[in-house]
mmCIF file of all heavy atoms, coordinates in Angstrom:
data_MODEL
# 
_entry.id   MODEL 
# 
loop_
_atom_site.group_PDB 
_atom_site.id 
_atom_site.type_symbol 
_atom_site.label_atom_id 
_atom_site.label_alt_id 
_atom_site.label_comp_id 
_atom_site.label_asym_id 
_atom_site.label_entity_id 
_atom_site.label_seq_id 
_atom_site.pdbx_PDB_ins_code 
_atom_site.Cartn_x 
_atom_site.Cartn_y 
_atom_site.Cartn_z 
_atom_site.occupancy 
_atom_site.B_iso_or_equiv 
_atom_site.pdbx_formal_charge 
_atom_site.auth_seq_id 
_atom_site.auth_comp_id 
_atom_site.auth_asym_id 
_atom_site.auth_atom_id 
_atom_site.pdbx_PDB_model_num 
ATOM 1   N N   . ILE A 1 1  ? 3.801  5.166  6.606  1.00 0.00 ? 1  ILE A N   1 
ATOM 2   C CA  . ILE A 1 1  ? 4.843  4.220  6.202  1.00 0.00 ? 1  ILE A CA  1 
ATOM 3   C C   . ILE A 1 1  ? 5.461  3.682  7.475  1.00 0.00 ? 1  ILE A C   1 
ATOM 4   O O   . ILE A 1 1  ? 5.972  4.440  8.291  1.00 0.00 ? 1  ILE A O   1 
ATOM 5   C CB  . ILE A 1 1  ? 5.967  4.891  5.392  1.00 0.00 ? 1  ILE A CB  1 
ATOM 6   C CG1 . ILE A 1 1  ? 5.455  5.387  4.068  1.00 0.00 ? 1  ILE A CG1 1 
ATOM 7   C CG2 . ILE A 1 1  ? 7.119  3.928  5.172  1.00 0.00 ? 1  ILE A CG2 1 
ATOM 8   C CD1 . ILE A 1 1  ? 6.522  6.085  3.242  1.00 0.00 ? 1  ILE A CD1 1 
ATOM 9   N N   . ARG A 1 2  ? 5.394  2.400  7.653  1.00 0.00 ? 2  ARG A N   1 
ATOM 10  C CA  . ARG A 1 2  ? 6.102  1.768  8.775  1.00 0.00 ? 2  ARG A CA  1 
ATOM 11  C C   . ARG A 1 2  ? 6.137  0.268  8.540  1.00 0.00 ? 2  ARG A C   1 
ATOM 12  O O   . ARG A 1 2  ? 5.264  -0.291 7.892  1.00 0.00 ? 2  ARG A O   1 
ATOM 13  C CB  . ARG A 1 2  ? 5.487  2.101  10.110 1.00 0.00 ? 2  ARG A CB  1 
ATOM 14  C CG  . ARG A 1 2  ? 4.053  1.716  10.242 1.00 0.00 ? 2  ARG A CG  1 
ATOM 15  C CD  . ARG A 1 2  ? 3.477  2.278  11.492 1.00 0.00 ? 2  ARG A CD  1 
ATOM 16  N NE  . ARG A 1 2  ? 2.110  2.608  11.159 1.00 0.00 ? 2  ARG A NE  1 
ATOM 17  C CZ  . ARG A 1 2  ? 1.143  2.740  11.999 1.00 0.00 ? 2  ARG A CZ  1 
ATOM 18  N NH1 . ARG A 1 2  ? 1.377  2.620  13.265 1.00 0.00 ? 2  ARG A NH1 1 
ATOM 19  N NH2 . ARG A 1 2  ? -0.063 3.012  11.603 1.00 0.00 ? 2  ARG A NH2 1 
ATOM 20  N N   . SER A 1 3  ? 7.160  -0.333 9.083  1.00 0.00 ? 3  SER A N   1 
ATOM 21  C CA  . SER A 1 3  ? 7.331  -1.773 8.954  1.00 0.00 ? 3  SER A CA  1 
ATOM 22  C C   . SER A 1 3  ? 6.419  -2.480 9.932  1.00 0.00 ? 3  SER A C   1 
ATOM 23  O O   . SER A 1 3  ? 5.999  -1.916 10.943 1.00 0.00 ? 3  SER A O   1 
ATOM 24  C CB  . SER A 1 3  ? 8.770  -2.165 9.256  1.00 0.00 ? 3  SER A CB  1 
ATOM 25  O OG  . SER A 1 3  ? 9.630  -1.529 8.360  1.00 0.00 ? 3  SER A OG  1 
ATOM 26  N N   . LEU A 1 4  ? 6.144  -3.735 9.647  1.00 0.00 ? 4  LEU A N   1 
ATOM 27  C CA  . LEU A 1 4  ? 5.405  -4.546 10.591 1.00 0.00 ? 4  LEU A CA  1 
ATOM 28  C C   . LEU A 1 4  ? 6.268  -4.747 11.837 1.00 0.00 ? 4  LEU A C   1 
ATOM 29  O O   . LEU A 1 4  ? 7.488  -4.858 11.736 1.00 0.00 ? 4  LEU A O   1 
ATOM 30  C CB  . LEU A 1 4  ? 5.051  -5.896 9.976  1.00 0.00 ? 4  LEU A CB  1 
ATOM 31  C CG  . LEU A 1 4  ? 4.094  -5.839 8.798  1.00 0.00 ? 4  LEU A CG  1 
ATOM 32  C CD1 . LEU A 1 4  ? 3.961  -7.220 8.153  1.00 0.00 ? 4  LEU A CD1 1 
ATOM 33  C CD2 . LEU A 1 4  ? 2.735  -5.331 9.227  1.00 0.00 ? 4  LEU A CD2 1 
ATOM 34  N N   . PRO A 1 5  ? 5.675  -4.789 13.009 1.00 0.00 ? 5  PRO A N   1 
ATOM 35  C CA  . PRO A 1 5  ? 6.454  -4.968 14.231 1.00 0.00 ? 5  PRO A CA  1 
ATOM 36  C C   . PRO A 1 5  ? 7.323  -6.223 14.162 1.00 0.00 ? 5  PRO A C   1 
ATOM 37  O O   . PRO A 1 5  ? 6.877  -7.272 13.701 1.00 0.00 ? 5  PRO A O   1 
ATOM 38  C CB  . PRO A 1 5  ? 5.382  -5.114 15.318 1.00 0.00 ? 5  PRO A CB  1 
ATOM 39  C CG  . PRO A 1 5  ? 4.164  -4.474 14.743 1.00 0.00 ? 5  PRO A CG  1 
ATOM 40  C CD  . PRO A 1 5  ? 4.243  -4.687 13.258 1.00 0.00 ? 5  PRO A CD  1 
ATOM 41  N N   . GLY A 1 6  ? 8.576  -6.075 14.588 1.00 0.00 ? 6  GLY A N   1 
ATOM 42  C CA  . GLY A 1 6  ? 9.481  -7.217 14.647 1.00 0.00 ? 6  GLY A CA  1 
ATOM 43  C C   . GLY A 1 6  ? 10.115 -7.606 13.334 1.00 0.00 ? 6  GLY A C   1 
ATOM 44  O O   . GLY A 1 6  ? 10.816 -8.608 13.273 1.00 0.00 ? 6  GLY A O   1 
ATOM 45  N N   . THR A 1 7  ? 9.918  -6.816 12.267 1.00 0.00 ? 7  THR A N   1 
ATOM 46  C CA  . THR A 1 7  ? 10.483 -7.208 10.978 1.00 0.00 ? 7  THR A CA  1 
ATOM 47  C C   . THR A 1 7  ? 11.803 -6.525 10.661 1.00 0.00 ? 7  THR A C   1 
ATOM 48  O O   . THR A 1 7  ? 12.494 -6.935 9.745  1.00 0.00 ? 7  THR A O   1 
ATOM 49  C CB  . THR A 1 7  ? 9.500  -6.940 9.820  1.00 0.00 ? 7  THR A CB  1 
ATOM 50  O OG1 . THR A 1 7  ? 9.192  -5.543 9.798  1.00 0.00 ? 7  THR A OG1 1 
ATOM 51  C CG2 . THR A 1 7  ? 8.230  -7.757 9.978  1.00 0.00 ? 7  THR A CG2 1 
ATOM 52  N N   . GLU A 1 8  ? 12.158 -5.490 11.378 1.00 0.00 ? 8  GLU A N   1 
ATOM 53  C CA  . GLU A 1 8  ? 13.412 -4.779 11.142 1.00 0.00 ? 8  GLU A CA  1 
ATOM 54  C C   . GLU A 1 8  ? 14.010 -4.331 12.471 1.00 0.00 ? 8  GLU A C   1 
ATOM 55  O O   . GLU A 1 8  ? 13.288 -4.162 13.448 1.00 0.00 ? 8  GLU A O   1 
ATOM 56  C CB  . GLU A 1 8  ? 13.163 -3.526 10.301 1.00 0.00 ? 8  GLU A CB  1 
ATOM 57  C CG  . GLU A 1 8  ? 12.749 -3.798 8.889  1.00 0.00 ? 8  GLU A CG  1 
ATOM 58  C CD  . GLU A 1 8  ? 12.625 -2.502 8.114  1.00 0.00 ? 8  GLU A CD  1 
ATOM 59  O OE1 . GLU A 1 8  ? 13.328 -1.527 8.432  1.00 0.00 ? 8  GLU A OE1 1 
ATOM 60  O OE2 . GLU A 1 8  ? 11.823 -2.482 7.183  1.00 0.00 ? 8  GLU A OE2 1 
ATOM 61  N N   . PRO A 1 9  ? 15.316 -4.100 12.486 1.00 0.00 ? 9  PRO A N   1 
ATOM 62  C CA  . PRO A 1 9  ? 15.924 -3.543 13.697 1.00 0.00 ? 9  PRO A CA  1 
ATOM 63  C C   . PRO A 1 9  ? 15.353 -2.152 13.985 1.00 0.00 ? 9  PRO A C   1 
ATOM 64  O O   . PRO A 1 9  ? 14.936 -1.451 13.068 1.00 0.00 ? 9  PRO A O   1 
ATOM 65  C CB  . PRO A 1 9  ? 17.410 -3.445 13.359 1.00 0.00 ? 9  PRO A CB  1 
ATOM 66  C CG  . PRO A 1 9  ? 17.603 -4.119 12.064 1.00 0.00 ? 9  PRO A CG  1 
ATOM 67  C CD  . PRO A 1 9  ? 16.268 -4.341 11.442 1.00 0.00 ? 9  PRO A CD  1 
ATOM 68  N N   . ALA A 1 10 ? 15.331 -1.754 15.230 1.00 0.00 ? 10 ALA A N   1 
ATOM 69  C CA  . ALA A 1 10 ? 14.772 -0.454 15.627 1.00 0.00 ? 10 ALA A CA  1 
ATOM 70  C C   . ALA A 1 10 ? 15.430 0.693  14.880 1.00 0.00 ? 10 ALA A C   1 
ATOM 71  O O   . ALA A 1 10 ? 14.759 1.643  14.478 1.00 0.00 ? 10 ALA A O   1 
ATOM 72  C CB  . ALA A 1 10 ? 14.921 -0.268 17.135 1.00 0.00 ? 10 ALA A CB  1 
ATOM 73  N N   . SER A 1 11 ? 16.745 0.624  14.667 1.00 0.00 ? 11 SER A N   1 
ATOM 74  C CA  . SER A 1 11 ? 17.428 1.716  13.967 1.00 0.00 ? 11 SER A CA  1 
ATOM 75  C C   . SER A 1 11 ? 16.916 1.861  12.541 1.00 0.00 ? 11 SER A C   1 
ATOM 76  O O   . SER A 1 11 ? 16.785 2.965  12.031 1.00 0.00 ? 11 SER A O   1 
ATOM 77  C CB  . SER A 1 11 ? 18.939 1.474  13.955 1.00 0.00 ? 11 SER A CB  1 
ATOM 78  O OG  . SER A 1 11 ? 19.237 0.256  13.291 1.00 0.00 ? 11 SER A OG  1 
ATOM 79  N N   . SER A 1 12 ? 16.583 0.777  11.874 1.00 0.00 ? 12 SER A N   1 
ATOM 80  C CA  . SER A 1 12 ? 16.067 0.835  10.515 1.00 0.00 ? 12 SER A CA  1 
ATOM 81  C C   . SER A 1 12 ? 14.648 1.375  10.479 1.00 0.00 ? 12 SER A C   1 
ATOM 82  O O   . SER A 1 12 ? 14.253 2.021  9.516  1.00 0.00 ? 12 SER A O   1 
ATOM 83  C CB  . SER A 1 12 ? 16.079 -0.547 9.867  1.00 0.00 ? 12 SER A CB  1 
ATOM 84  O OG  . SER A 1 12 ? 17.394 -1.001 9.713  1.00 0.00 ? 12 SER A OG  1 
ATOM 85  N N   . ARG A 1 13 ? 13.873 1.092  11.495 1.00 0.00 ? 13 ARG A N   1 
ATOM 86  C CA  . ARG A 1 13 ? 12.485 1.551  11.524 1.00 0.00 ? 13 ARG A CA  1 
ATOM 87  C C   . ARG A 1 13 ? 12.390 3.063  11.592 1.00 0.00 ? 13 ARG A C   1 
ATOM 88  O O   . ARG A 1 13 ? 11.424 3.646  11.138 1.00 0.00 ? 13 ARG A O   1 
ATOM 89  C CB  . ARG A 1 13 ? 11.740 0.938  12.703 1.00 0.00 ? 13 ARG A CB  1 
ATOM 90  C CG  . ARG A 1 13 ? 11.217 -0.424 12.370 1.00 0.00 ? 13 ARG A CG  1 
ATOM 91  C CD  . ARG A 1 13 ? 10.374 -0.969 13.493 1.00 0.00 ? 13 ARG A CD  1 
ATOM 92  N NE  . ARG A 1 13 ? 11.156 -2.024 14.111 1.00 0.00 ? 13 ARG A NE  1 
ATOM 93  C CZ  . ARG A 1 13 ? 11.306 -2.211 15.393 1.00 0.00 ? 13 ARG A CZ  1 
ATOM 94  N NH1 . ARG A 1 13 ? 10.712 -1.441 16.241 1.00 0.00 ? 13 ARG A NH1 1 
ATOM 95  N NH2 . ARG A 1 13 ? 12.057 -3.184 15.844 1.00 0.00 ? 13 ARG A NH2 1 
ATOM 96  N N   . ARG A 1 14 ? 13.402 3.707  12.171 1.00 0.00 ? 14 ARG A N   1 
ATOM 97  C CA  . ARG A 1 14 ? 13.371 5.159  12.295 1.00 0.00 ? 14 ARG A CA  1 
ATOM 98  C C   . ARG A 1 14 ? 13.755 5.862  11.007 1.00 0.00 ? 14 ARG A C   1 
ATOM 99  O O   . ARG A 1 14 ? 13.488 7.040  10.849 1.00 0.00 ? 14 ARG A O   1 
ATOM 100 C CB  . ARG A 1 14 ? 14.291 5.598  13.425 1.00 0.00 ? 14 ARG A CB  1 
ATOM 101 C CG  . ARG A 1 14 ? 13.706 5.324  14.797 1.00 0.00 ? 14 ARG A CG  1 
ATOM 102 C CD  . ARG A 1 14 ? 14.528 5.967  15.877 1.00 0.00 ? 14 ARG A CD  1 
ATOM 103 N NE  . ARG A 1 14 ? 15.781 5.263  16.124 1.00 0.00 ? 14 ARG A NE  1 
ATOM 104 C CZ  . ARG A 1 14 ? 15.922 4.243  16.944 1.00 0.00 ? 14 ARG A CZ  1 
ATOM 105 N NH1 . ARG A 1 14 ? 14.882 3.794  17.604 1.00 0.00 ? 14 ARG A NH1 1 
ATOM 106 N NH2 . ARG A 1 14 ? 17.079 3.671  17.122 1.00 0.00 ? 14 ARG A NH2 1 
ATOM 107 N N   . GLU A 1 15 ? 14.400 5.147  10.090 1.00 0.00 ? 15 GLU A N   1 
ATOM 108 C CA  . GLU A 1 15 ? 14.866 5.762  8.855  1.00 0.00 ? 15 GLU A CA  1 
ATOM 109 C C   . GLU A 1 15 ? 14.139 5.154  7.664  1.00 0.00 ? 15 GLU A C   1 
ATOM 110 O O   . GLU A 1 15 ? 14.104 3.953  7.506  1.00 0.00 ? 15 GLU A O   1 
ATOM 111 C CB  . GLU A 1 15 ? 16.363 5.526  8.676  1.00 0.00 ? 15 GLU A CB  1 
ATOM 112 C CG  . GLU A 1 15 ? 17.207 6.170  9.742  1.00 0.00 ? 15 GLU A CG  1 
ATOM 113 C CD  . GLU A 1 15 ? 18.682 5.853  9.560  1.00 0.00 ? 15 GLU A CD  1 
ATOM 114 O OE1 . GLU A 1 15 ? 19.087 5.484  8.452  1.00 0.00 ? 15 GLU A OE1 1 
ATOM 115 O OE2 . GLU A 1 15 ? 19.401 5.980  10.546 1.00 0.00 ? 15 GLU A OE2 1 
ATOM 116 N N   . VAL A 1 16 ? 13.552 6.013  6.848  1.00 0.00 ? 16 VAL A N   1 
ATOM 117 C CA  . VAL A 1 16 ? 12.916 5.560  5.626  1.00 0.00 ? 16 VAL A CA  1 
ATOM 118 C C   . VAL A 1 16 ? 13.678 6.197  4.477  1.00 0.00 ? 16 VAL A C   1 
ATOM 119 O O   . VAL A 1 16 ? 13.922 7.403  4.470  1.00 0.00 ? 16 VAL A O   1 
ATOM 120 C CB  . VAL A 1 16 ? 11.425 5.964  5.578  1.00 0.00 ? 16 VAL A CB  1 
ATOM 121 C CG1 . VAL A 1 16 ? 10.805 5.582  4.258  1.00 0.00 ? 16 VAL A CG1 1 
ATOM 122 C CG2 . VAL A 1 16 ? 10.672 5.320  6.729  1.00 0.00 ? 16 VAL A CG2 1 
ATOM 123 N N   . ASN A 1 17 ? 14.055 5.377  3.529  1.00 0.00 ? 17 ASN A N   1 
ATOM 124 C CA  . ASN A 1 17 ? 14.780 5.838  2.359  1.00 0.00 ? 17 ASN A CA  1 
ATOM 125 C C   . ASN A 1 17 ? 14.051 7.026  1.729  1.00 0.00 ? 17 ASN A C   1 
ATOM 126 O O   . ASN A 1 17 ? 12.841 6.973  1.524  1.00 0.00 ? 17 ASN A O   1 
ATOM 127 C CB  . ASN A 1 17 ? 14.845 4.654  1.382  1.00 0.00 ? 17 ASN A CB  1 
ATOM 128 C CG  . ASN A 1 17 ? 15.585 4.953  0.126  1.00 0.00 ? 17 ASN A CG  1 
ATOM 129 O OD1 . ASN A 1 17 ? 15.485 6.035  -0.446 1.00 0.00 ? 17 ASN A OD1 1 
ATOM 130 N ND2 . ASN A 1 17 ? 16.326 3.974  -0.335 1.00 0.00 ? 17 ASN A ND2 1 
ATOM 131 N N   . PRO A 1 18 ? 14.762 8.124  1.393  1.00 0.00 ? 18 PRO A N   1 
ATOM 132 C CA  . PRO A 1 18 ? 14.116 9.283  0.773  1.00 0.00 ? 18 PRO A CA  1 
ATOM 133 C C   . PRO A 1 18 ? 13.372 8.932  -0.527 1.00 0.00 ? 18 PRO A C   1 
ATOM 134 O O   . PRO A 1 18 ? 12.327 9.497  -0.817 1.00 0.00 ? 18 PRO A O   1 
ATOM 135 C CB  . PRO A 1 18 ? 15.273 10.234 0.499  1.00 0.00 ? 18 PRO A CB  1 
ATOM 136 C CG  . PRO A 1 18 ? 16.336 9.841  1.459  1.00 0.00 ? 18 PRO A CG  1 
ATOM 137 C CD  . PRO A 1 18 ? 16.176 8.360  1.659  1.00 0.00 ? 18 PRO A CD  1 
ATOM 138 N N   . LYS A 1 19 ? 13.906 7.996  -1.298 1.00 0.00 ? 19 LYS A N   1 
ATOM 139 C CA  . LYS A 1 19 ? 13.240 7.576  -2.523 1.00 0.00 ? 19 LYS A CA  1 
ATOM 140 C C   . LYS A 1 19 ? 11.886 6.937  -2.192 1.00 0.00 ? 19 LYS A C   1 
ATOM 141 O O   . LYS A 1 19 ? 10.881 7.184  -2.861 1.00 0.00 ? 19 LYS A O   1 
ATOM 142 C CB  . LYS A 1 19 ? 14.126 6.584  -3.276 1.00 0.00 ? 19 LYS A CB  1 
ATOM 143 C CG  . LYS A 1 19 ? 13.584 6.154  -4.607 1.00 0.00 ? 19 LYS A CG  1 
ATOM 144 C CD  . LYS A 1 19 ? 14.583 5.236  -5.315 1.00 0.00 ? 19 LYS A CD  1 
ATOM 145 C CE  . LYS A 1 19 ? 14.016 4.739  -6.626 1.00 0.00 ? 19 LYS A CE  1 
ATOM 146 N NZ  . LYS A 1 19 ? 14.932 3.825  -7.297 1.00 0.00 ? 19 LYS A NZ  1 
ATOM 147 N N   . THR A 1 20 ? 11.851 6.147  -1.137 1.00 0.00 ? 20 THR A N   1 
ATOM 148 C CA  . THR A 1 20 ? 10.612 5.513  -0.700 1.00 0.00 ? 20 THR A CA  1 
ATOM 149 C C   . THR A 1 20 ? 9.594  6.554  -0.271 1.00 0.00 ? 20 THR A C   1 
ATOM 150 O O   . THR A 1 20 ? 8.425  6.480  -0.630 1.00 0.00 ? 20 THR A O   1 
ATOM 151 C CB  . THR A 1 20 ? 10.892 4.530  0.451  1.00 0.00 ? 20 THR A CB  1 
ATOM 152 O OG1 . THR A 1 20 ? 11.855 3.576  0.017  1.00 0.00 ? 20 THR A OG1 1 
ATOM 153 C CG2 . THR A 1 20 ? 9.633  3.824  0.897  1.00 0.00 ? 20 THR A CG2 1 
ATOM 154 N N   . ARG A 1 21 ? 10.045 7.555  0.474  1.00 0.00 ? 21 ARG A N   1 
ATOM 155 C CA  . ARG A 1 21 ? 9.147  8.624  0.911  1.00 0.00 ? 21 ARG A CA  1 
ATOM 156 C C   . ARG A 1 21 ? 8.543  9.363  -0.275 1.00 0.00 ? 21 ARG A C   1 
ATOM 157 O O   . ARG A 1 21 ? 7.350  9.685  -0.265 1.00 0.00 ? 21 ARG A O   1 
ATOM 158 C CB  . ARG A 1 21 ? 9.895  9.617  1.793  1.00 0.00 ? 21 ARG A CB  1 
ATOM 159 C CG  . ARG A 1 21 ? 9.522  9.441  3.197  1.00 0.00 ? 21 ARG A CG  1 
ATOM 160 C CD  . ARG A 1 21 ? 9.936  10.579 4.069  1.00 0.00 ? 21 ARG A CD  1 
ATOM 161 N NE  . ARG A 1 21 ? 10.319 10.027 5.336  1.00 0.00 ? 21 ARG A NE  1 
ATOM 162 C CZ  . ARG A 1 21 ? 9.479  9.476  6.191  1.00 0.00 ? 21 ARG A CZ  1 
ATOM 163 N NH1 . ARG A 1 21 ? 8.204  9.416  5.920  1.00 0.00 ? 21 ARG A NH1 1 
ATOM 164 N NH2 . ARG A 1 21 ? 9.899  8.983  7.318  1.00 0.00 ? 21 ARG A NH2 1 
ATOM 165 N N   . ALA A 1 22 ? 9.357  9.641  -1.294 1.00 0.00 ? 22 ALA A N   1 
ATOM 166 C CA  . ALA A 1 22 ? 8.873  10.357 -2.483 1.00 0.00 ? 22 ALA A CA  1 
ATOM 167 C C   . ALA A 1 22 ? 7.806  9.541  -3.207 1.00 0.00 ? 22 ALA A C   1 
ATOM 168 O O   . ALA A 1 22 ? 6.771  10.079 -3.622 1.00 0.00 ? 22 ALA A O   1 
ATOM 169 C CB  . ALA A 1 22 ? 10.029 10.681 -3.416 1.00 0.00 ? 22 ALA A CB  1 
ATOM 170 N N   . VAL A 1 23 ? 8.049  8.243  -3.368 1.00 0.00 ? 23 VAL A N   1 
ATOM 171 C CA  . VAL A 1 23 ? 7.079  7.377  -4.039 1.00 0.00 ? 23 VAL A CA  1 
ATOM 172 C C   . VAL A 1 23 ? 5.808  7.290  -3.202 1.00 0.00 ? 23 VAL A C   1 
ATOM 173 O O   . VAL A 1 23 ? 4.692  7.344  -3.729 1.00 0.00 ? 23 VAL A O   1 
ATOM 174 C CB  . VAL A 1 23 ? 7.674  5.976  -4.312 1.00 0.00 ? 23 VAL A CB  1 
ATOM 175 C CG1 . VAL A 1 23 ? 6.606  4.996  -4.773 1.00 0.00 ? 23 VAL A CG1 1 
ATOM 176 C CG2 . VAL A 1 23 ? 8.774  6.088  -5.357 1.00 0.00 ? 23 VAL A CG2 1 
ATOM 177 N N   . TRP A 1 24 ? 5.944  7.175  -1.891 1.00 0.00 ? 24 TRP A N   1 
ATOM 178 C CA  . TRP A 1 24 ? 4.787  7.090  -1.000 1.00 0.00 ? 24 TRP A CA  1 
ATOM 179 C C   . TRP A 1 24 ? 3.920  8.344  -1.123 1.00 0.00 ? 24 TRP A C   1 
ATOM 180 O O   . TRP A 1 24 ? 2.697  8.270  -1.238 1.00 0.00 ? 24 TRP A O   1 
ATOM 181 C CB  . TRP A 1 24 ? 5.280  6.911  0.433  1.00 0.00 ? 24 TRP A CB  1 
ATOM 182 C CG  . TRP A 1 24 ? 4.201  6.644  1.411  1.00 0.00 ? 24 TRP A CG  1 
ATOM 183 C CD1 . TRP A 1 24 ? 3.707  7.507  2.342  1.00 0.00 ? 24 TRP A CD1 1 
ATOM 184 C CD2 . TRP A 1 24 ? 3.486  5.421  1.596  1.00 0.00 ? 24 TRP A CD2 1 
ATOM 185 N NE1 . TRP A 1 24 ? 2.735  6.901  3.079  1.00 0.00 ? 24 TRP A NE1 1 
ATOM 186 C CE2 . TRP A 1 24 ? 2.585  5.616  2.643  1.00 0.00 ? 24 TRP A CE2 1 
ATOM 187 C CE3 . TRP A 1 24 ? 3.540  4.186  0.970  1.00 0.00 ? 24 TRP A CE3 1 
ATOM 188 C CZ2 . TRP A 1 24 ? 1.719  4.619  3.077  1.00 0.00 ? 24 TRP A CZ2 1 
ATOM 189 C CZ3 . TRP A 1 24 ? 2.687  3.188  1.408  1.00 0.00 ? 24 TRP A CZ3 1 
ATOM 190 C CH2 . TRP A 1 24 ? 1.794  3.413  2.446  1.00 0.00 ? 24 TRP A CH2 1 
ATOM 191 N N   . LYS A 1 25 ? 4.578  9.519  -1.110 1.00 0.00 ? 25 LYS A N   1 
ATOM 192 C CA  . LYS A 1 25 ? 3.858  10.785 -1.213 1.00 0.00 ? 25 LYS A CA  1 
ATOM 193 C C   . LYS A 1 25 ? 3.115  10.871 -2.542 1.00 0.00 ? 25 LYS A C   1 
ATOM 194 O O   . LYS A 1 25 ? 1.951  11.281 -2.585 1.00 0.00 ? 25 LYS A O   1 
ATOM 195 C CB  . LYS A 1 25 ? 4.846  11.947 -1.064 1.00 0.00 ? 25 LYS A CB  1 
ATOM 196 C CG  . LYS A 1 25 ? 4.205  13.302 -1.047 1.00 0.00 ? 25 LYS A CG  1 
ATOM 197 C CD  . LYS A 1 25 ? 5.241  14.389 -0.817 1.00 0.00 ? 25 LYS A CD  1 
ATOM 198 C CE  . LYS A 1 25 ? 4.598  15.759 -0.826 1.00 0.00 ? 25 LYS A CE  1 
ATOM 199 N NZ  . LYS A 1 25 ? 5.583  16.810 -0.588 1.00 0.00 ? 25 LYS A NZ  1 
ATOM 200 N N   . GLU A 1 26 ? 3.775  10.484 -3.622 1.00 0.00 ? 26 GLU A N   1 
ATOM 201 C CA  . GLU A 1 26 ? 3.160  10.535 -4.939 1.00 0.00 ? 26 GLU A CA  1 
ATOM 202 C C   . GLU A 1 26 ? 2.009  9.536  -5.042 1.00 0.00 ? 26 GLU A C   1 
ATOM 203 O O   . GLU A 1 26 ? 0.950  9.844  -5.590 1.00 0.00 ? 26 GLU A O   1 
ATOM 204 C CB  . GLU A 1 26 ? 4.223  10.248 -6.013 1.00 0.00 ? 26 GLU A CB  1 
ATOM 205 C CG  . GLU A 1 26 ? 3.842  10.686 -7.406 1.00 0.00 ? 26 GLU A CG  1 
ATOM 206 C CD  . GLU A 1 26 ? 3.120  9.617  -8.186 1.00 0.00 ? 26 GLU A CD  1 
ATOM 207 O OE1 . GLU A 1 26 ? 3.353  8.429  -7.941 1.00 0.00 ? 26 GLU A OE1 1 
ATOM 208 O OE2 . GLU A 1 26 ? 2.293  9.969  -9.026 1.00 0.00 ? 26 GLU A OE2 1 
ATOM 209 N N   . LEU A 1 27 ? 2.186  8.354  -4.487 1.00 0.00 ? 27 LEU A N   1 
ATOM 210 C CA  . LEU A 1 27 ? 1.136  7.332  -4.512 1.00 0.00 ? 27 LEU A CA  1 
ATOM 211 C C   . LEU A 1 27 ? -0.108 7.826  -3.768 1.00 0.00 ? 27 LEU A C   1 
ATOM 212 O O   . LEU A 1 27 ? -1.230 7.694  -4.257 1.00 0.00 ? 27 LEU A O   1 
ATOM 213 C CB  . LEU A 1 27 ? 1.639  6.030  -3.881 1.00 0.00 ? 27 LEU A CB  1 
ATOM 214 C CG  . LEU A 1 27 ? 0.608  4.912  -3.784 1.00 0.00 ? 27 LEU A CG  1 
ATOM 215 C CD1 . LEU A 1 27 ? 0.226  4.406  -5.172 1.00 0.00 ? 27 LEU A CD1 1 
ATOM 216 C CD2 . LEU A 1 27 ? 1.154  3.761  -2.940 1.00 0.00 ? 27 LEU A CD2 1 
# 
C-alpha cells in the first residue's frame, strides 16, 4: 500500500488509515 509519488504530503504517506490496512489485508 502506497500512494503514487507526489500525490500526498510526506506526512500522509507515512500513515495509512487502520481501516484501509484491514481491507487491504483481507483483499
